[in-house]
Amino acid sequence: MLKGITLVKNEEKREENLRISVAMFAYNEEGYIGYALHSKGKQMHYVGGGSDELVDKVDLMSILKKEMLEEGGYEINHIVKLPNVSTITPYPGKSIKSKARAKIFTGKLVHNYLVKIGKRNISRYAFDGESIDLIFDKTIDEQIEFFERKEPCGYTLNNLKALKYIKDNFKVRYGLK
């Protein structure tokens, strides 16, 4: 265990007090995985979100589609679940939302997906601060190198593990850069 992060092997074994979340590694027609930069370029993020519903009521496919439309403004053409690449991260984080959720949940279970984006759908794009502009200019190796230079924490380990899994299992198959 590293800094309170648990790598999940058996994804069916869950606790009811975990918030179910998704992280999407969205690639475009050219084979680049899109990301967004925050904190003046020091943090790389991917589209994601979650549900505050009870575990047995969570519809992950609906969350994926909703979050990609709201945050990224894209429709999804293809979805691949990344098996055994889920992480459990404890709450609270630093944000106000995270601190509020810490009163309900002990942590979040993040499921990771590789998704191929389709056409841009600006009509569903959220202009409320939740939206991100995806950048498609770094290869998967460059993105892995970015996270390898970061201090190991929840989102860094989650993203690094997912990107390495994508590289090893899908780079050639889907023509990823």
N, C-alpha and C. Protein backbone atom coordinates (compact mmCIF):
# COMPACT_ATOMS: atom_id res chain seq x y z
N MET A 1 0.85 -1.18 0.00
CA MET A 1 0.00 0.00 0.00
C MET A 1 0.90 1.24 0.00
N LEU A 2 0.55 2.22 -0.83
CA LEU A 2 1.36 3.41 -0.98
C LEU A 2 0.50 4.64 -0.79
N LYS A 3 0.75 5.40 0.25
CA LYS A 3 0.01 6.64 0.53
C LYS A 3 -1.48 6.42 0.55
N GLY A 4 -1.96 5.35 1.14
CA GLY A 4 -3.39 5.11 1.29
C GLY A 4 -4.08 4.64 0.03
N ILE A 5 -3.34 4.17 -0.96
CA ILE A 5 -3.93 3.72 -2.21
C ILE A 5 -3.97 2.20 -2.22
N THR A 6 -5.08 1.65 -2.59
CA THR A 6 -5.22 0.21 -2.70
C THR A 6 -5.48 -0.14 -4.15
N LEU A 7 -4.67 -1.02 -4.71
CA LEU A 7 -4.93 -1.50 -6.06
C LEU A 7 -5.89 -2.66 -5.95
N VAL A 8 -6.97 -2.61 -6.69
CA VAL A 8 -8.03 -3.60 -6.57
C VAL A 8 -7.78 -4.74 -7.53
N LYS A 9 -7.73 -5.94 -7.04
CA LYS A 9 -7.58 -7.13 -7.89
C LYS A 9 -8.95 -7.72 -8.19
N ASN A 10 -9.76 -7.92 -7.17
CA ASN A 10 -11.10 -8.46 -7.36
C ASN A 10 -12.10 -7.32 -7.31
N GLU A 11 -12.51 -6.83 -8.46
CA GLU A 11 -13.35 -5.65 -8.52
C GLU A 11 -14.76 -5.90 -8.01
N GLU A 12 -15.15 -7.16 -7.83
CA GLU A 12 -16.49 -7.45 -7.32
C GLU A 12 -16.55 -7.26 -5.81
N LYS A 13 -15.43 -7.27 -5.15
CA LYS A 13 -15.39 -7.10 -3.70
C LYS A 13 -15.35 -5.61 -3.39
N ARG A 14 -16.48 -5.07 -2.98
CA ARG A 14 -16.59 -3.64 -2.73
C ARG A 14 -17.18 -3.39 -1.35
N GLU A 15 -16.95 -2.22 -0.85
CA GLU A 15 -17.60 -1.79 0.38
C GLU A 15 -18.69 -0.81 -0.02
N GLU A 16 -19.79 -0.80 0.73
CA GLU A 16 -20.90 0.08 0.39
C GLU A 16 -20.58 1.56 0.58
N ASN A 17 -19.59 1.89 1.37
CA ASN A 17 -19.30 3.29 1.62
C ASN A 17 -18.21 3.86 0.70
N LEU A 18 -18.02 3.24 -0.46
CA LEU A 18 -17.10 3.77 -1.46
C LEU A 18 -17.90 4.47 -2.55
N ARG A 19 -17.45 5.63 -2.96
CA ARG A 19 -18.08 6.33 -4.09
C ARG A 19 -17.55 5.68 -5.36
N ILE A 20 -18.45 5.32 -6.26
CA ILE A 20 -18.07 4.69 -7.51
C ILE A 20 -17.75 5.79 -8.53
N SER A 21 -16.55 5.73 -9.09
CA SER A 21 -16.09 6.74 -10.04
C SER A 21 -15.52 6.08 -11.28
N VAL A 22 -15.40 6.88 -12.34
CA VAL A 22 -14.79 6.40 -13.58
C VAL A 22 -13.72 7.40 -14.03
N ALA A 23 -12.69 6.87 -14.67
CA ALA A 23 -11.69 7.70 -15.35
C ALA A 23 -11.63 7.19 -16.78
N MET A 24 -11.67 8.12 -17.73
CA MET A 24 -11.68 7.74 -19.15
C MET A 24 -10.43 8.24 -19.85
N PHE A 25 -9.82 7.34 -20.55
CA PHE A 25 -8.67 7.64 -21.38
C PHE A 25 -9.20 7.63 -22.81
N ALA A 26 -9.55 8.84 -23.29
CA ALA A 26 -10.26 9.00 -24.55
C ALA A 26 -9.28 9.23 -25.68
N TYR A 27 -9.39 8.39 -26.71
CA TYR A 27 -8.49 8.58 -27.85
C TYR A 27 -9.28 8.99 -29.08
N ASN A 28 -8.61 9.75 -29.95
CA ASN A 28 -9.26 10.27 -31.14
C ASN A 28 -8.91 9.41 -32.36
N GLU A 29 -9.40 9.82 -33.50
CA GLU A 29 -9.20 9.09 -34.76
C GLU A 29 -7.72 8.95 -35.11
N GLU A 30 -6.91 9.92 -34.72
CA GLU A 30 -5.47 9.89 -35.01
C GLU A 30 -4.69 9.00 -34.04
N GLY A 31 -5.34 8.53 -32.97
CA GLY A 31 -4.69 7.63 -32.03
C GLY A 31 -4.05 8.29 -30.82
N TYR A 32 -4.35 9.57 -30.60
CA TYR A 32 -3.82 10.26 -29.43
C TYR A 32 -4.83 10.20 -28.29
N ILE A 33 -4.33 9.98 -27.07
CA ILE A 33 -5.19 10.01 -25.89
C ILE A 33 -5.26 11.44 -25.40
N GLY A 34 -6.48 11.94 -25.24
CA GLY A 34 -6.68 13.33 -24.82
C GLY A 34 -6.52 13.51 -23.32
N TYR A 35 -6.01 14.66 -22.94
CA TYR A 35 -5.82 15.00 -21.53
C TYR A 35 -6.08 16.49 -21.39
N ALA A 36 -6.17 16.93 -20.16
CA ALA A 36 -6.31 18.36 -19.87
C ALA A 36 -5.23 18.75 -18.88
N LEU A 37 -4.78 19.97 -18.97
CA LEU A 37 -3.78 20.48 -18.02
C LEU A 37 -4.46 21.41 -17.03
N HIS A 38 -4.09 21.27 -15.76
CA HIS A 38 -4.58 22.14 -14.70
C HIS A 38 -3.39 22.63 -13.90
N SER A 39 -3.61 23.55 -13.02
CA SER A 39 -2.57 24.09 -12.13
C SER A 39 -1.36 24.57 -12.92
N LYS A 40 -1.64 25.40 -13.93
CA LYS A 40 -0.57 26.00 -14.75
C LYS A 40 0.31 24.94 -15.41
N GLY A 41 -0.32 23.88 -15.89
CA GLY A 41 0.41 22.85 -16.62
C GLY A 41 1.11 21.82 -15.77
N LYS A 42 0.93 21.87 -14.46
CA LYS A 42 1.62 20.94 -13.57
C LYS A 42 0.83 19.66 -13.32
N GLN A 43 -0.45 19.66 -13.62
CA GLN A 43 -1.29 18.49 -13.39
C GLN A 43 -1.96 18.08 -14.69
N MET A 44 -1.92 16.79 -15.00
CA MET A 44 -2.57 16.26 -16.18
C MET A 44 -3.78 15.46 -15.71
N HIS A 45 -4.94 15.74 -16.28
CA HIS A 45 -6.18 15.08 -15.89
C HIS A 45 -6.87 14.47 -17.09
N TYR A 46 -7.75 13.54 -16.81
CA TYR A 46 -8.57 12.88 -17.83
C TYR A 46 -10.03 13.06 -17.45
N VAL A 47 -10.91 12.86 -18.41
CA VAL A 47 -12.33 12.99 -18.15
C VAL A 47 -12.75 11.90 -17.17
N GLY A 48 -13.57 12.28 -16.22
CA GLY A 48 -14.05 11.30 -15.25
C GLY A 48 -15.13 11.88 -14.39
N GLY A 49 -15.68 11.05 -13.55
CA GLY A 49 -16.74 11.48 -12.65
C GLY A 49 -17.21 10.30 -11.85
N GLY A 50 -18.33 10.48 -11.21
CA GLY A 50 -18.83 9.39 -10.38
C GLY A 50 -20.29 9.55 -10.04
N SER A 51 -20.71 8.70 -9.13
CA SER A 51 -22.10 8.69 -8.70
C SER A 51 -22.14 8.62 -7.19
N ASP A 52 -23.06 9.37 -6.62
CA ASP A 52 -23.27 9.33 -5.19
C ASP A 52 -24.38 8.33 -4.83
N GLU A 53 -24.83 7.56 -5.81
CA GLU A 53 -25.85 6.54 -5.58
C GLU A 53 -25.26 5.36 -4.82
N LEU A 54 -26.13 4.54 -4.30
CA LEU A 54 -25.68 3.31 -3.65
C LEU A 54 -25.02 2.42 -4.68
N VAL A 55 -24.06 1.61 -4.25
CA VAL A 55 -23.25 0.78 -5.15
C VAL A 55 -24.10 -0.06 -6.09
N ASP A 56 -25.13 -0.71 -5.59
CA ASP A 56 -25.91 -1.61 -6.45
C ASP A 56 -26.80 -0.88 -7.44
N LYS A 57 -26.89 0.45 -7.36
CA LYS A 57 -27.72 1.22 -8.28
C LYS A 57 -26.91 1.97 -9.33
N VAL A 58 -25.61 1.82 -9.32
CA VAL A 58 -24.74 2.58 -10.20
C VAL A 58 -24.73 1.98 -11.61
N ASP A 59 -25.00 2.80 -12.61
CA ASP A 59 -24.94 2.40 -14.02
C ASP A 59 -23.70 3.05 -14.62
N LEU A 60 -22.61 2.29 -14.69
CA LEU A 60 -21.33 2.85 -15.14
C LEU A 60 -21.39 3.36 -16.57
N MET A 61 -22.12 2.69 -17.45
CA MET A 61 -22.18 3.15 -18.85
C MET A 61 -22.84 4.52 -18.95
N SER A 62 -23.86 4.74 -18.15
CA SER A 62 -24.52 6.05 -18.14
C SER A 62 -23.58 7.13 -17.62
N ILE A 63 -22.80 6.79 -16.58
CA ILE A 63 -21.84 7.75 -16.04
C ILE A 63 -20.80 8.09 -17.10
N LEU A 64 -20.29 7.08 -17.79
CA LEU A 64 -19.27 7.31 -18.83
C LEU A 64 -19.78 8.28 -19.89
N LYS A 65 -20.95 7.99 -20.43
CA LYS A 65 -21.49 8.82 -21.51
C LYS A 65 -21.81 10.23 -21.03
N LYS A 66 -22.41 10.34 -19.85
CA LYS A 66 -22.77 11.65 -19.30
C LYS A 66 -21.52 12.50 -19.05
N GLU A 67 -20.53 11.92 -18.41
CA GLU A 67 -19.33 12.68 -18.07
C GLU A 67 -18.55 13.10 -19.32
N MET A 68 -18.48 12.22 -20.32
CA MET A 68 -17.75 12.59 -21.54
C MET A 68 -18.46 13.73 -22.26
N LEU A 69 -19.78 13.70 -22.30
CA LEU A 69 -20.51 14.79 -22.93
C LEU A 69 -20.37 16.09 -22.14
N GLU A 70 -20.55 16.01 -20.82
CA GLU A 70 -20.51 17.22 -20.01
C GLU A 70 -19.11 17.80 -19.91
N GLU A 71 -18.12 16.97 -19.64
CA GLU A 71 -16.77 17.47 -19.41
C GLU A 71 -15.97 17.64 -20.69
N GLY A 72 -16.09 16.69 -21.60
CA GLY A 72 -15.28 16.75 -22.81
C GLY A 72 -16.01 17.25 -24.03
N GLY A 73 -17.35 17.13 -24.01
CA GLY A 73 -18.14 17.56 -25.16
C GLY A 73 -18.13 16.59 -26.32
N TYR A 74 -17.79 15.33 -26.05
CA TYR A 74 -17.72 14.33 -27.11
C TYR A 74 -18.68 13.18 -26.85
N GLU A 75 -19.15 12.59 -27.94
CA GLU A 75 -19.88 11.34 -27.85
C GLU A 75 -18.86 10.21 -27.85
N ILE A 76 -19.26 9.05 -27.32
CA ILE A 76 -18.37 7.90 -27.24
C ILE A 76 -18.77 6.88 -28.30
N ASN A 77 -17.80 6.43 -29.09
CA ASN A 77 -18.06 5.42 -30.11
C ASN A 77 -17.72 4.01 -29.66
N HIS A 78 -16.76 3.86 -28.75
CA HIS A 78 -16.29 2.53 -28.36
C HIS A 78 -15.79 2.60 -26.92
N ILE A 79 -16.11 1.58 -26.12
CA ILE A 79 -15.71 1.55 -24.71
C ILE A 79 -15.02 0.22 -24.41
N VAL A 80 -13.86 0.30 -23.76
CA VAL A 80 -13.16 -0.90 -23.29
C VAL A 80 -12.86 -0.72 -21.81
N LYS A 81 -13.39 -1.62 -20.98
CA LYS A 81 -13.07 -1.57 -19.55
C LYS A 81 -11.68 -2.14 -19.34
N LEU A 82 -10.89 -1.46 -18.55
CA LEU A 82 -9.54 -1.92 -18.25
C LEU A 82 -9.61 -2.83 -17.02
N PRO A 83 -9.50 -4.14 -17.21
CA PRO A 83 -9.67 -5.06 -16.08
C PRO A 83 -8.51 -4.95 -15.09
N ASN A 84 -8.85 -5.10 -13.83
CA ASN A 84 -7.85 -5.08 -12.75
C ASN A 84 -6.98 -3.83 -12.76
N VAL A 85 -7.54 -2.73 -13.21
CA VAL A 85 -6.81 -1.47 -13.19
C VAL A 85 -7.66 -0.46 -12.44
N SER A 86 -8.28 -0.91 -11.37
CA SER A 86 -9.07 -0.01 -10.54
C SER A 86 -8.29 0.31 -9.28
N THR A 87 -8.58 1.45 -8.70
CA THR A 87 -7.91 1.83 -7.47
C THR A 87 -8.94 2.32 -6.46
N ILE A 88 -8.60 2.19 -5.19
CA ILE A 88 -9.40 2.77 -4.12
C ILE A 88 -8.57 3.89 -3.50
N THR A 89 -9.14 5.08 -3.48
CA THR A 89 -8.46 6.24 -2.93
C THR A 89 -9.27 6.75 -1.75
N PRO A 90 -8.65 7.00 -0.61
CA PRO A 90 -9.41 7.48 0.54
C PRO A 90 -9.82 8.94 0.39
N TYR A 91 -10.97 9.30 0.97
CA TYR A 91 -11.35 10.71 1.11
C TYR A 91 -10.76 11.19 2.42
N PRO A 92 -10.58 12.44 2.71
CA PRO A 92 -10.92 13.53 1.81
C PRO A 92 -9.76 13.95 0.94
N GLY A 93 -10.13 14.55 -0.17
CA GLY A 93 -9.14 15.19 -1.02
C GLY A 93 -9.07 16.66 -0.62
N LYS A 94 -8.59 17.49 -1.50
CA LYS A 94 -8.41 18.90 -1.16
C LYS A 94 -9.61 19.76 -1.52
N SER A 95 -10.44 19.32 -2.46
CA SER A 95 -11.53 20.17 -2.93
C SER A 95 -12.68 20.20 -1.94
N ILE A 96 -13.52 21.21 -2.06
CA ILE A 96 -14.70 21.34 -1.21
C ILE A 96 -15.63 20.15 -1.42
N LYS A 97 -15.83 19.76 -2.70
CA LYS A 97 -16.67 18.59 -2.99
C LYS A 97 -16.14 17.34 -2.30
N SER A 98 -14.83 17.16 -2.38
CA SER A 98 -14.21 15.97 -1.80
C SER A 98 -14.39 15.95 -0.29
N LYS A 99 -14.22 17.09 0.35
CA LYS A 99 -14.39 17.16 1.80
C LYS A 99 -15.83 16.89 2.20
N ALA A 100 -16.78 17.38 1.40
CA ALA A 100 -18.19 17.10 1.69
C ALA A 100 -18.50 15.62 1.51
N ARG A 101 -17.95 15.01 0.49
CA ARG A 101 -18.18 13.58 0.25
C ARG A 101 -17.54 12.72 1.33
N ALA A 102 -16.50 13.22 1.97
CA ALA A 102 -15.82 12.47 3.02
C ALA A 102 -16.75 12.23 4.21
N LYS A 103 -17.79 13.04 4.33
CA LYS A 103 -18.77 12.84 5.41
C LYS A 103 -19.68 11.65 5.12
N ILE A 104 -19.74 11.24 3.84
CA ILE A 104 -20.61 10.13 3.43
C ILE A 104 -19.80 8.89 3.09
N PHE A 105 -18.69 9.07 2.36
CA PHE A 105 -17.90 7.96 1.84
C PHE A 105 -16.53 7.88 2.51
N THR A 106 -16.01 6.68 2.65
CA THR A 106 -14.65 6.52 3.17
C THR A 106 -13.62 6.69 2.06
N GLY A 107 -14.02 6.50 0.83
CA GLY A 107 -13.10 6.63 -0.29
C GLY A 107 -13.83 6.48 -1.60
N LYS A 108 -13.06 6.39 -2.68
CA LYS A 108 -13.71 6.17 -3.98
C LYS A 108 -13.03 5.02 -4.70
N LEU A 109 -13.85 4.26 -5.37
CA LEU A 109 -13.39 3.16 -6.20
C LEU A 109 -13.43 3.67 -7.64
N VAL A 110 -12.26 3.76 -8.26
CA VAL A 110 -12.17 4.31 -9.61
C VAL A 110 -12.03 3.17 -10.61
N HIS A 111 -12.98 3.09 -11.55
CA HIS A 111 -12.92 2.14 -12.66
C HIS A 111 -12.36 2.89 -13.86
N ASN A 112 -11.44 2.27 -14.58
CA ASN A 112 -10.78 2.92 -15.71
C ASN A 112 -11.25 2.34 -17.04
N TYR A 113 -11.41 3.22 -18.02
CA TYR A 113 -11.89 2.82 -19.34
C TYR A 113 -11.07 3.48 -20.43
N LEU A 114 -10.89 2.77 -21.51
CA LEU A 114 -10.32 3.33 -22.74
C LEU A 114 -11.52 3.56 -23.65
N VAL A 115 -11.71 4.79 -24.10
CA VAL A 115 -12.86 5.09 -24.94
C VAL A 115 -12.42 5.80 -26.21
N LYS A 116 -13.07 5.45 -27.31
CA LYS A 116 -12.83 6.16 -28.57
C LYS A 116 -13.92 7.20 -28.71
N ILE A 117 -13.49 8.44 -28.86
CA ILE A 117 -14.47 9.52 -28.96
C ILE A 117 -14.99 9.63 -30.38
N GLY A 118 -16.21 10.12 -30.47
CA GLY A 118 -16.85 10.36 -31.76
C GLY A 118 -16.93 11.85 -32.02
N LYS A 119 -18.06 12.26 -32.55
CA LYS A 119 -18.20 13.67 -32.91
C LYS A 119 -18.36 14.55 -31.67
N ARG A 120 -17.99 15.79 -31.84
CA ARG A 120 -18.13 16.78 -30.77
C ARG A 120 -19.57 17.20 -30.69
N ASN A 121 -20.11 17.28 -29.49
CA ASN A 121 -21.50 17.65 -29.26
C ASN A 121 -21.53 18.79 -28.26
N ILE A 122 -21.35 19.99 -28.76
CA ILE A 122 -21.27 21.17 -27.90
C ILE A 122 -22.57 21.44 -27.17
N SER A 123 -23.70 20.99 -27.69
CA SER A 123 -24.98 21.26 -27.04
C SER A 123 -25.07 20.64 -25.65
N ARG A 124 -24.32 19.57 -25.37
CA ARG A 124 -24.34 18.92 -24.06
C ARG A 124 -23.12 19.28 -23.21
N TYR A 125 -22.21 20.07 -23.77
CA TYR A 125 -20.98 20.45 -23.09
C TYR A 125 -21.32 21.38 -21.93
N ALA A 126 -20.81 21.09 -20.75
CA ALA A 126 -21.11 21.90 -19.56
C ALA A 126 -20.18 23.10 -19.49
N PHE A 127 -20.76 24.26 -19.44
CA PHE A 127 -19.96 25.48 -19.32
C PHE A 127 -20.00 25.98 -17.88
N ASP A 128 -19.78 25.07 -16.93
CA ASP A 128 -19.95 25.40 -15.52
C ASP A 128 -18.69 25.19 -14.70
N GLY A 129 -17.56 25.16 -15.33
CA GLY A 129 -16.33 24.91 -14.61
C GLY A 129 -15.96 23.44 -14.54
N GLU A 130 -16.90 22.57 -14.86
CA GLU A 130 -16.64 21.13 -14.88
C GLU A 130 -16.06 20.70 -16.22
N SER A 131 -16.21 21.54 -17.24
CA SER A 131 -15.76 21.16 -18.57
C SER A 131 -14.26 21.30 -18.70
N ILE A 132 -13.69 20.48 -19.58
CA ILE A 132 -12.25 20.56 -19.84
C ILE A 132 -12.03 20.52 -21.35
N ASP A 133 -11.01 21.19 -21.79
CA ASP A 133 -10.63 21.14 -23.20
C ASP A 133 -9.57 20.06 -23.35
N LEU A 134 -9.92 19.01 -24.05
CA LEU A 134 -8.99 17.91 -24.25
C LEU A 134 -7.91 18.31 -25.25
N ILE A 135 -6.68 17.94 -24.93
CA ILE A 135 -5.52 18.22 -25.78
C ILE A 135 -5.04 16.87 -26.31
N PHE A 136 -4.82 16.79 -27.61
CA PHE A 136 -4.40 15.54 -28.25
C PHE A 136 -3.04 15.73 -28.92
N ASP A 137 -1.99 15.92 -28.13
CA ASP A 137 -0.69 16.17 -28.73
C ASP A 137 0.47 15.37 -28.13
N LYS A 138 0.21 14.56 -27.11
CA LYS A 138 1.29 13.77 -26.50
C LYS A 138 1.05 12.28 -26.74
N THR A 139 2.12 11.58 -27.01
CA THR A 139 2.02 10.13 -27.18
C THR A 139 1.75 9.49 -25.82
N ILE A 140 1.37 8.24 -25.84
CA ILE A 140 1.14 7.53 -24.58
C ILE A 140 2.43 7.43 -23.77
N ASP A 141 3.56 7.27 -24.45
CA ASP A 141 4.85 7.22 -23.74
C ASP A 141 5.16 8.55 -23.05
N GLU A 142 4.85 9.66 -23.70
CA GLU A 142 5.07 10.98 -23.10
C GLU A 142 4.17 11.18 -21.89
N GLN A 143 2.94 10.67 -21.96
CA GLN A 143 2.03 10.79 -20.83
C GLN A 143 2.50 9.93 -19.66
N ILE A 144 2.98 8.74 -19.94
CA ILE A 144 3.53 7.87 -18.89
C ILE A 144 4.72 8.55 -18.23
N GLU A 145 5.63 9.12 -19.02
CA GLU A 145 6.79 9.82 -18.47
C GLU A 145 6.37 10.96 -17.57
N PHE A 146 5.32 11.69 -17.94
CA PHE A 146 4.80 12.78 -17.12
C PHE A 146 4.44 12.28 -15.73
N PHE A 147 3.70 11.18 -15.65
CA PHE A 147 3.25 10.66 -14.35
C PHE A 147 4.38 9.98 -13.58
N GLU A 148 5.36 9.44 -14.27
CA GLU A 148 6.49 8.82 -13.56
C GLU A 148 7.33 9.87 -12.83
N ARG A 149 7.27 11.11 -13.26
CA ARG A 149 8.02 12.19 -12.59
C ARG A 149 7.27 12.77 -11.40
N LYS A 150 6.00 12.40 -11.22
CA LYS A 150 5.17 12.95 -10.15
C LYS A 150 5.32 12.17 -8.86
N GLU A 151 5.01 12.85 -7.75
CA GLU A 151 4.99 12.17 -6.46
C GLU A 151 3.83 11.18 -6.46
N PRO A 152 4.07 9.95 -6.02
CA PRO A 152 3.00 8.94 -6.04
C PRO A 152 1.85 9.31 -5.11
N CYS A 153 0.68 9.50 -5.69
CA CYS A 153 -0.54 9.74 -4.91
C CYS A 153 -1.67 9.05 -5.66
N GLY A 154 -2.88 9.17 -5.19
CA GLY A 154 -4.01 8.44 -5.74
C GLY A 154 -4.20 8.56 -7.24
N TYR A 155 -4.41 9.79 -7.71
CA TYR A 155 -4.69 9.93 -9.14
C TYR A 155 -3.47 9.62 -9.98
N THR A 156 -2.26 9.94 -9.48
CA THR A 156 -1.04 9.65 -10.24
C THR A 156 -0.87 8.15 -10.45
N LEU A 157 -1.03 7.38 -9.38
CA LEU A 157 -0.89 5.93 -9.49
C LEU A 157 -1.98 5.32 -10.36
N ASN A 158 -3.21 5.82 -10.21
CA ASN A 158 -4.31 5.33 -11.03
C ASN A 158 -4.01 5.57 -12.51
N ASN A 159 -3.65 6.79 -12.85
CA ASN A 159 -3.40 7.14 -14.26
C ASN A 159 -2.19 6.40 -14.81
N LEU A 160 -1.15 6.29 -14.04
CA LEU A 160 0.06 5.61 -14.48
C LEU A 160 -0.21 4.13 -14.74
N LYS A 161 -0.90 3.49 -13.82
CA LYS A 161 -1.22 2.07 -13.99
C LYS A 161 -2.11 1.87 -15.23
N ALA A 162 -3.11 2.73 -15.40
CA ALA A 162 -4.02 2.60 -16.54
C ALA A 162 -3.28 2.84 -17.86
N LEU A 163 -2.45 3.88 -17.92
CA LEU A 163 -1.72 4.18 -19.16
C LEU A 163 -0.76 3.04 -19.54
N LYS A 164 -0.08 2.47 -18.56
CA LYS A 164 0.82 1.35 -18.84
C LYS A 164 0.03 0.14 -19.33
N TYR A 165 -1.12 -0.09 -18.75
CA TYR A 165 -1.96 -1.22 -19.19
C TYR A 165 -2.43 -0.98 -20.63
N ILE A 166 -2.85 0.24 -20.92
CA ILE A 166 -3.28 0.58 -22.29
C ILE A 166 -2.13 0.38 -23.26
N LYS A 167 -0.96 0.86 -22.92
CA LYS A 167 0.21 0.72 -23.80
C LYS A 167 0.51 -0.75 -24.07
N ASP A 168 0.53 -1.57 -23.02
CA ASP A 168 0.88 -2.99 -23.16
C ASP A 168 -0.18 -3.80 -23.90
N ASN A 169 -1.45 -3.41 -23.79
CA ASN A 169 -2.53 -4.24 -24.31
C ASN A 169 -3.29 -3.68 -25.51
N PHE A 170 -3.24 -2.35 -25.71
CA PHE A 170 -4.09 -1.76 -26.75
C PHE A 170 -3.38 -0.84 -27.73
N LYS A 171 -2.14 -0.47 -27.46
CA LYS A 171 -1.45 0.50 -28.32
C LYS A 171 -1.41 0.04 -29.77
N VAL A 172 -0.99 -1.16 -29.99
CA VAL A 172 -0.88 -1.67 -31.36
C VAL A 172 -2.27 -1.97 -31.93
N ARG A 173 -3.10 -2.63 -31.14
CA ARG A 173 -4.44 -3.03 -31.60
C ARG A 173 -5.28 -1.86 -32.09
N TYR A 174 -5.22 -0.72 -31.37
CA TYR A 174 -6.03 0.45 -31.73
C TYR A 174 -5.22 1.56 -32.41
N GLY A 175 -3.98 1.30 -32.72
CA GLY A 175 -3.15 2.29 -33.42
C GLY A 175 -2.90 3.55 -32.60
N LEU A 176 -2.70 3.37 -31.30
CA LEU A 176 -2.47 4.53 -30.44
C LEU A 176 -1.05 5.05 -30.60
N LYS A 177 -0.90 6.33 -30.52
CA LYS A 177 0.42 6.98 -30.65
C LYS A 177 1.17 6.91 -29.34
